[in-house]
Amino acid sequence: MFTIIHVLLTSVFLTALGPHNRTMHFVTEFILLGFQGQREMQSFFFSLILVLYVLTLLGNGAIVCAVKWDKRLHTPMYILLGNFAFLEIWYVSSTVPNMLVNILSETKTISFSGCFLQFYFFFSLGTTECFFLSVMAYDRYLAICRPLHYPSIMTRRVCVTLVCVCWVSGFLCYPVPIVLISQLPFCGPNIIDHFVCDPGPLFALACISAPSTELLCYTFNSVIIFGPFLFILGSYTMVMRAVLRVPSGAGRTKAFSTCGSHLTVVSLFYGTLMVMYVGPTSGNPTGMQKIFTLVYSVVTPLLNPLIYSLRNKDMKNALKKVLALTLTQN
């Protein structure tokens, strides 16, 4: 399904952006500098990012398989977690493969259309992640604050509907900002001191100042980030109030354990995201921009399987079964 979507979107972007390249844009490709340094340092970065990427695929892939194969995990909480892990696989794959190729490349170029395609998938998947974190917070709110009504409210049908809404709405948010930025004239230079096509460097490369477009994009980013974040904050405020009223110490510990893993993921993801995209990035050194982007785009997807599995007995048992089944088949 994603292959078909990728092909369709590629053809649409090539059709939409191609004429602009011939009439407005003198720049036909960008140079992503990525991680600069000696060849030995480049090899170190390549090896490190490759290992992180493989571990991320294995960890999140294991969660997807565990949720699919273990019928005891066919509940709303784990269905959401399985989709979240599946999302992380695509999210990290939207940037890391090109990042690895870029490190080995001598030219380090990416086409104009390819740059905006990467921009689209990277930000759409990131937006989808924001929505999923909100839905997961709502699920925990219902489970802890309204336990008697939880089975009737969060039915399988409602859960599947929320999952579909997250995926579809995440991919519908960014076409307009991307088209607006792509309409700007890029007449050179074409060097982006980053490893992804990011709006901040693209605005800096435009031949003309576009304060209205820039303000619109940063306002849009702020709404996308703060809307789900405030919803998550409100949900967990009510969850914490409910947990503190639980008379049993064991009950409080279990509730905190379940919610603690989610809050850790939210803190990691939103902390770096807000630094990067809530305000203009011109004041942030490029080195810091790369580090923040690396944290939320590579490190966070790697840590998510560890955070969720180490604090969840059901998930740990399911992962052990997946591992045992894999070893048996081999």
Protein backbone atom coordinates (compact mmCIF):
# COMPACT_ATOMS: atom_id res chain seq x y z
CA MET A 1 0.00 0.00 0.00
CA PHE A 2 2.77 2.44 0.97
CA THR A 3 4.65 1.61 -2.25
CA ILE A 4 1.58 2.57 -4.30
CA ILE A 5 1.13 5.78 -2.29
CA HIS A 6 4.82 6.62 -2.74
CA VAL A 7 4.61 6.13 -6.54
CA LEU A 8 1.44 8.21 -6.83
CA LEU A 9 2.82 11.03 -4.68
CA THR A 10 6.10 10.98 -6.60
CA SER A 11 4.29 11.43 -9.92
CA VAL A 12 2.12 14.21 -8.46
CA PHE A 13 5.12 16.08 -7.03
CA LEU A 14 7.14 15.66 -10.22
CA THR A 15 4.22 17.02 -12.26
CA ALA A 16 3.57 19.87 -9.86
CA LEU A 17 7.17 20.91 -9.29
CA GLY A 18 8.61 20.20 -12.72
CA PRO A 19 7.19 23.30 -14.49
CA HIS A 20 8.38 25.51 -11.61
CA ASN A 21 11.90 24.19 -12.05
CA ARG A 22 11.79 25.29 -15.71
CA THR A 23 10.12 28.66 -15.23
CA MET A 24 10.87 29.94 -11.74
CA HIS A 25 13.61 27.89 -10.10
CA PHE A 26 17.18 28.11 -11.31
CA VAL A 27 18.17 25.47 -8.75
CA THR A 28 17.45 21.92 -9.96
CA GLU A 29 19.16 20.13 -7.07
CA PHE A 30 20.34 20.76 -3.53
CA ILE A 31 23.53 19.71 -1.76
CA LEU A 32 22.95 18.20 1.69
CA LEU A 33 26.20 18.67 3.58
CA GLY A 34 25.12 16.28 6.35
CA PHE A 35 27.86 15.39 8.82
CA GLN A 36 31.08 17.05 7.80
CA GLY A 37 34.56 15.96 8.85
CA GLN A 38 37.48 13.74 7.96
CA ARG A 39 36.88 10.46 6.13
CA GLU A 40 37.41 8.52 9.37
CA MET A 41 34.74 10.60 11.09
CA GLN A 42 32.38 10.08 8.14
CA SER A 43 32.92 6.31 8.40
CA PHE A 44 32.19 6.47 12.14
CA PHE A 45 28.92 8.36 11.55
CA PHE A 46 27.93 5.90 8.82
CA SER A 47 28.55 2.87 11.03
CA LEU A 48 26.81 4.41 14.05
CA ILE A 49 23.70 5.50 12.15
CA LEU A 50 23.51 2.17 10.29
CA VAL A 51 23.60 0.23 13.58
CA LEU A 52 20.94 2.52 15.11
CA TYR A 53 18.77 2.11 12.01
CA VAL A 54 18.98 -1.70 12.01
CA LEU A 55 18.25 -1.86 15.75
CA THR A 56 15.26 0.46 15.27
CA LEU A 57 13.84 -1.74 12.52
CA LEU A 58 14.35 -4.89 14.59
CA GLY A 59 12.91 -3.42 17.81
CA ASN A 60 9.81 -1.86 16.28
CA GLY A 61 9.36 -4.81 13.91
CA ALA A 62 9.37 -7.16 16.91
CA ILE A 63 6.59 -5.13 18.58
CA VAL A 64 4.51 -5.21 15.38
CA CYS A 65 4.94 -9.00 15.15
CA ALA A 66 4.17 -9.48 18.85
CA VAL A 67 0.92 -7.51 18.61
CA LYS A 68 -0.09 -9.35 15.44
CA TRP A 69 0.72 -12.89 16.61
CA ASP A 70 -0.28 -12.77 20.28
CA LYS A 71 -4.08 -12.75 20.55
CA ARG A 72 -3.86 -11.54 24.15
CA LEU A 73 -2.50 -8.26 22.78
CA HIS A 74 -5.48 -7.68 20.49
CA THR A 75 -6.73 -4.90 22.74
CA PRO A 76 -6.97 -1.15 21.95
CA MET A 77 -3.81 -0.25 23.91
CA TYR A 78 -1.65 -2.77 22.08
CA ILE A 79 -3.29 -2.17 18.70
CA LEU A 80 -2.31 1.49 19.07
CA LEU A 81 1.18 0.50 20.20
CA GLY A 82 1.58 -1.86 17.24
CA ASN A 83 0.55 0.87 14.80
CA PHE A 84 2.87 3.31 16.56
CA ALA A 85 5.80 0.89 16.16
CA PHE A 86 4.87 0.40 12.48
CA LEU A 87 4.81 4.19 12.08
CA GLU A 88 8.28 4.47 13.63
CA ILE A 89 9.68 2.07 11.02
CA TRP A 90 8.44 4.31 8.21
CA TYR A 91 9.37 7.51 10.05
CA VAL A 92 13.01 6.55 10.48
CA SER A 93 13.10 5.13 6.94
CA SER A 94 12.02 8.49 5.48
CA THR A 95 15.43 10.01 6.31
CA VAL A 96 18.06 7.46 7.37
CA PRO A 97 18.61 5.56 4.07
CA ASN A 98 19.18 8.82 2.22
CA MET A 99 21.37 10.00 5.12
CA LEU A 100 23.57 6.91 4.77
CA VAL A 101 23.85 7.32 1.00
CA ASN A 102 24.69 10.99 1.51
CA ILE A 103 27.57 10.15 3.87
CA LEU A 104 29.15 7.87 1.25
CA SER A 105 28.42 10.17 -1.68
CA GLU A 106 31.01 12.54 -3.08
CA THR A 107 28.47 14.98 -4.55
CA LYS A 108 25.87 14.77 -1.72
CA THR A 109 23.14 16.01 -4.06
CA ILE A 110 19.39 15.55 -3.94
CA SER A 111 17.03 16.63 -6.72
CA PHE A 112 14.62 19.52 -6.23
CA SER A 113 11.61 17.20 -6.39
CA GLY A 114 13.35 14.58 -4.25
CA CYS A 115 14.05 17.17 -1.57
CA PHE A 116 10.40 18.18 -1.30
CA LEU A 117 9.26 14.55 -1.40
CA GLN A 118 11.50 13.82 1.58
CA PHE A 119 10.15 16.97 3.25
CA TYR A 120 6.58 15.71 2.71
CA PHE A 121 7.05 12.17 4.02
CA PHE A 122 9.25 13.21 6.96
CA PHE A 123 6.83 15.86 8.22
CA SER A 124 3.68 13.88 7.42
CA LEU A 125 4.94 10.87 9.37
CA GLY A 126 6.03 13.17 12.22
CA THR A 127 2.56 14.73 12.29
CA THR A 128 1.00 11.26 12.33
CA GLU A 129 3.18 10.45 15.34
CA CYS A 130 1.84 13.51 17.17
CA PHE A 131 -1.71 12.32 16.52
CA PHE A 132 -0.95 8.77 17.64
CA LEU A 133 0.56 10.00 20.90
CA SER A 134 -2.64 11.97 21.52
CA VAL A 135 -4.86 8.95 20.87
CA MET A 136 -2.67 6.78 23.12
CA ALA A 137 -3.01 9.38 25.89
CA TYR A 138 -6.81 9.38 25.42
CA ASP A 139 -6.81 5.58 25.64
CA ARG A 140 -4.92 5.68 28.96
CA TYR A 141 -7.27 8.39 30.25
CA LEU A 142 -10.31 6.21 29.54
CA ALA A 143 -8.68 3.08 30.98
CA ILE A 144 -7.69 4.74 34.27
CA CYS A 145 -10.24 7.52 34.79
CA ARG A 146 -13.30 5.71 33.39
CA PRO A 147 -12.51 2.01 33.77
CA LEU A 148 -16.15 0.85 33.90
CA HIS A 149 -17.03 2.65 30.67
CA TYR A 150 -13.74 1.85 28.90
CA PRO A 151 -14.89 -1.39 27.16
CA SER A 152 -18.02 0.27 25.79
CA ILE A 153 -16.26 3.49 24.68
CA MET A 154 -12.96 2.18 23.31
CA THR A 155 -14.36 -0.66 21.23
CA ARG A 156 -12.35 -2.36 18.51
CA ARG A 157 -14.28 -0.41 15.88
CA VAL A 158 -13.58 2.94 17.57
CA CYS A 159 -9.91 2.01 17.94
CA VAL A 160 -9.57 1.12 14.25
CA THR A 161 -11.37 4.35 13.30
CA LEU A 162 -8.97 6.43 15.42
CA VAL A 163 -5.98 4.63 13.86
CA CYS A 164 -7.27 5.39 10.35
CA VAL A 165 -7.93 9.04 11.25
CA CYS A 166 -4.35 9.41 12.54
CA TRP A 167 -2.83 7.99 9.36
CA VAL A 168 -5.04 9.89 6.91
CA SER A 169 -5.01 13.27 8.69
CA GLY A 170 -1.23 13.09 9.17
CA PHE A 171 -0.70 12.83 5.41
CA LEU A 172 -3.22 15.56 4.59
CA CYS A 173 -1.63 18.32 6.69
CA TYR A 174 1.52 19.27 4.80
CA PRO A 175 0.78 19.51 1.05
CA VAL A 176 -0.18 23.21 1.35
CA PRO A 177 2.97 24.36 3.26
CA ILE A 178 5.18 22.33 0.92
CA VAL A 179 3.58 23.81 -2.19
CA LEU A 180 3.95 27.33 -0.76
CA ILE A 181 7.66 26.81 -0.04
CA SER A 182 8.25 25.15 -3.43
CA GLN A 183 6.78 28.25 -5.14
CA LEU A 184 9.65 30.39 -3.80
CA PRO A 185 12.41 31.18 -6.31
CA PHE A 186 15.68 29.33 -5.59
CA CYS A 187 18.40 30.86 -7.73
CA GLY A 188 21.45 29.78 -5.71
CA PRO A 189 23.35 28.93 -3.64
CA ASN A 190 21.92 25.43 -3.25
CA ILE A 191 23.85 24.16 -0.21
CA ILE A 192 21.80 22.95 2.78
CA ASP A 193 23.90 22.51 5.92
CA HIS A 194 21.73 19.67 7.17
CA PHE A 195 21.09 15.98 6.47
CA VAL A 196 17.36 16.42 5.68
CA CYS A 197 15.38 18.91 3.63
CA ASP A 198 14.08 21.17 6.39
CA PRO A 199 11.99 24.35 6.06
CA GLY A 200 14.49 26.54 7.95
CA PRO A 201 17.42 26.01 5.53
CA LEU A 202 15.04 26.13 2.53
CA PHE A 203 13.71 29.55 3.58
CA ALA A 204 17.32 30.72 3.98
CA LEU A 205 18.13 29.64 0.40
CA ALA A 206 15.18 31.43 -1.22
CA CYS A 207 16.19 34.37 -3.39
CA ILE A 208 13.53 36.60 -1.88
CA SER A 209 12.31 37.11 1.66
CA ALA A 210 8.95 35.48 2.32
CA PRO A 211 7.91 36.57 5.84
CA SER A 212 4.23 35.78 5.31
CA THR A 213 4.93 32.23 4.09
CA GLU A 214 7.48 31.72 6.85
CA LEU A 215 5.06 32.98 9.52
CA LEU A 216 2.30 30.78 8.11
CA CYS A 217 4.52 27.69 8.21
CA TYR A 218 5.75 28.32 11.75
CA THR A 219 2.21 29.04 12.93
CA PHE A 220 1.04 25.83 11.28
CA ASN A 221 3.89 23.88 12.92
CA SER A 222 3.02 25.38 16.30
CA VAL A 223 -0.63 24.33 15.97
CA ILE A 224 0.36 20.80 14.88
CA ILE A 225 2.78 20.49 17.82
CA PHE A 226 0.97 22.32 20.61
CA GLY A 227 -2.54 21.04 19.81
CA PRO A 228 -1.75 17.36 20.47
CA PHE A 229 0.71 18.29 23.22
CA LEU A 230 -1.87 20.24 25.23
CA PHE A 231 -4.36 17.40 24.73
CA ILE A 232 -1.78 14.90 26.03
CA LEU A 233 -0.93 17.20 28.95
CA GLY A 234 -4.61 17.55 29.89
CA SER A 235 -5.20 13.80 29.60
CA TYR A 236 -2.29 12.91 31.84
CA THR A 237 -3.13 15.62 34.37
CA MET A 238 -6.48 13.91 34.90
CA VAL A 239 -4.79 10.49 34.88
CA MET A 240 -2.36 11.56 37.61
CA ARG A 241 -5.18 12.96 39.72
CA ALA A 242 -7.06 9.65 39.37
CA VAL A 243 -3.96 7.58 40.14
CA LEU A 244 -3.21 9.51 43.33
CA ARG A 245 -6.71 8.65 44.59
CA VAL A 246 -6.09 4.90 44.19
CA PRO A 247 -5.90 3.47 47.74
CA SER A 248 -3.77 0.47 46.79
CA GLY A 249 -0.03 1.04 46.48
CA ALA A 250 0.24 -1.79 43.96
CA GLY A 251 -2.51 -0.22 41.86
CA ARG A 252 -0.75 3.14 41.83
CA THR A 253 2.54 1.49 40.86
CA LYS A 254 0.92 -0.37 37.95
CA ALA A 255 -0.81 2.77 36.68
CA PHE A 256 2.36 4.87 36.95
CA SER A 257 4.33 2.13 35.17
CA THR A 258 1.88 2.02 32.27
CA CYS A 259 1.72 5.80 31.89
CA GLY A 260 5.40 6.44 32.68
CA SER A 261 6.60 4.79 29.50
CA HIS A 262 4.24 6.87 27.38
CA LEU A 263 5.23 10.10 29.15
CA THR A 264 8.92 9.31 28.59
CA VAL A 265 8.32 8.93 24.83
CA VAL A 266 6.24 12.13 24.74
CA SER A 267 8.97 14.08 26.58
CA LEU A 268 11.74 12.87 24.25
CA PHE A 269 9.77 13.54 21.08
CA TYR A 270 8.15 16.86 21.96
CA GLY A 271 11.15 18.30 23.78
CA THR A 272 13.36 18.32 20.69
CA LEU A 273 10.45 19.02 18.32
CA MET A 274 9.50 22.25 20.07
CA VAL A 275 13.06 23.54 20.04
CA MET A 276 13.26 22.95 16.29
CA TYR A 277 9.91 24.00 14.86
CA VAL A 278 7.88 26.17 17.22
CA GLY A 279 10.02 29.26 16.62
CA PRO A 280 12.18 30.36 13.70
CA THR A 281 15.30 28.20 13.43
CA SER A 282 17.59 30.99 12.22
CA GLY A 283 18.81 31.59 15.76
CA ASN A 284 19.83 27.98 16.32
CA PRO A 285 23.36 26.95 15.25
CA THR A 286 23.30 24.40 12.44
CA GLY A 287 25.17 21.90 14.62
CA MET A 288 22.44 22.06 17.26
CA GLN A 289 19.73 21.73 14.59
CA LYS A 290 21.37 18.53 13.35
CA ILE A 291 21.63 17.11 16.88
CA PHE A 292 17.99 17.90 17.73
CA THR A 293 16.80 16.44 14.42
CA LEU A 294 18.90 13.32 14.97
CA VAL A 295 17.37 12.84 18.43
CA TYR A 296 13.70 12.93 17.42
CA SER A 297 14.14 11.28 14.01
CA VAL A 298 16.62 8.48 14.86
CA VAL A 299 17.23 8.12 18.61
CA THR A 300 13.59 8.34 19.77
CA PRO A 301 12.32 5.61 17.38
CA LEU A 302 15.17 3.41 18.66
CA LEU A 303 14.31 3.97 22.34
CA ASN A 304 10.55 3.51 21.99
CA PRO A 305 10.61 -0.33 21.83
CA LEU A 306 12.91 -0.44 24.88
CA ILE A 307 10.77 2.00 26.85
CA TYR A 308 7.50 0.21 26.11
CA SER A 309 8.73 -3.38 26.41
CA LEU A 310 10.90 -3.08 29.53
CA ARG A 311 8.02 -1.63 31.58
CA ASN A 312 5.29 -3.93 30.31
CA LYS A 313 5.12 -7.61 31.35
CA ASP A 314 2.60 -8.58 28.67
CA MET A 315 4.76 -7.06 25.95
CA LYS A 316 7.92 -8.68 27.32
CA ASN A 317 6.25 -12.10 27.33
CA ALA A 318 4.97 -11.60 23.78
CA LEU A 319 8.42 -10.50 22.57
CA LYS A 320 9.97 -13.59 24.15
CA LYS A 321 7.52 -15.73 22.19
CA VAL A 322 8.37 -13.91 18.96
CA LEU A 323 12.09 -14.43 19.60
CA ALA A 324 11.58 -18.09 20.43
CA LEU A 325 9.47 -18.58 17.30
CA THR A 326 12.08 -16.87 15.14
CA LEU A 327 14.91 -18.99 16.56
CA THR A 328 12.83 -22.18 16.08
CA GLN A 329 12.15 -21.36 12.42
CA ASN A 330 15.82 -20.67 11.81
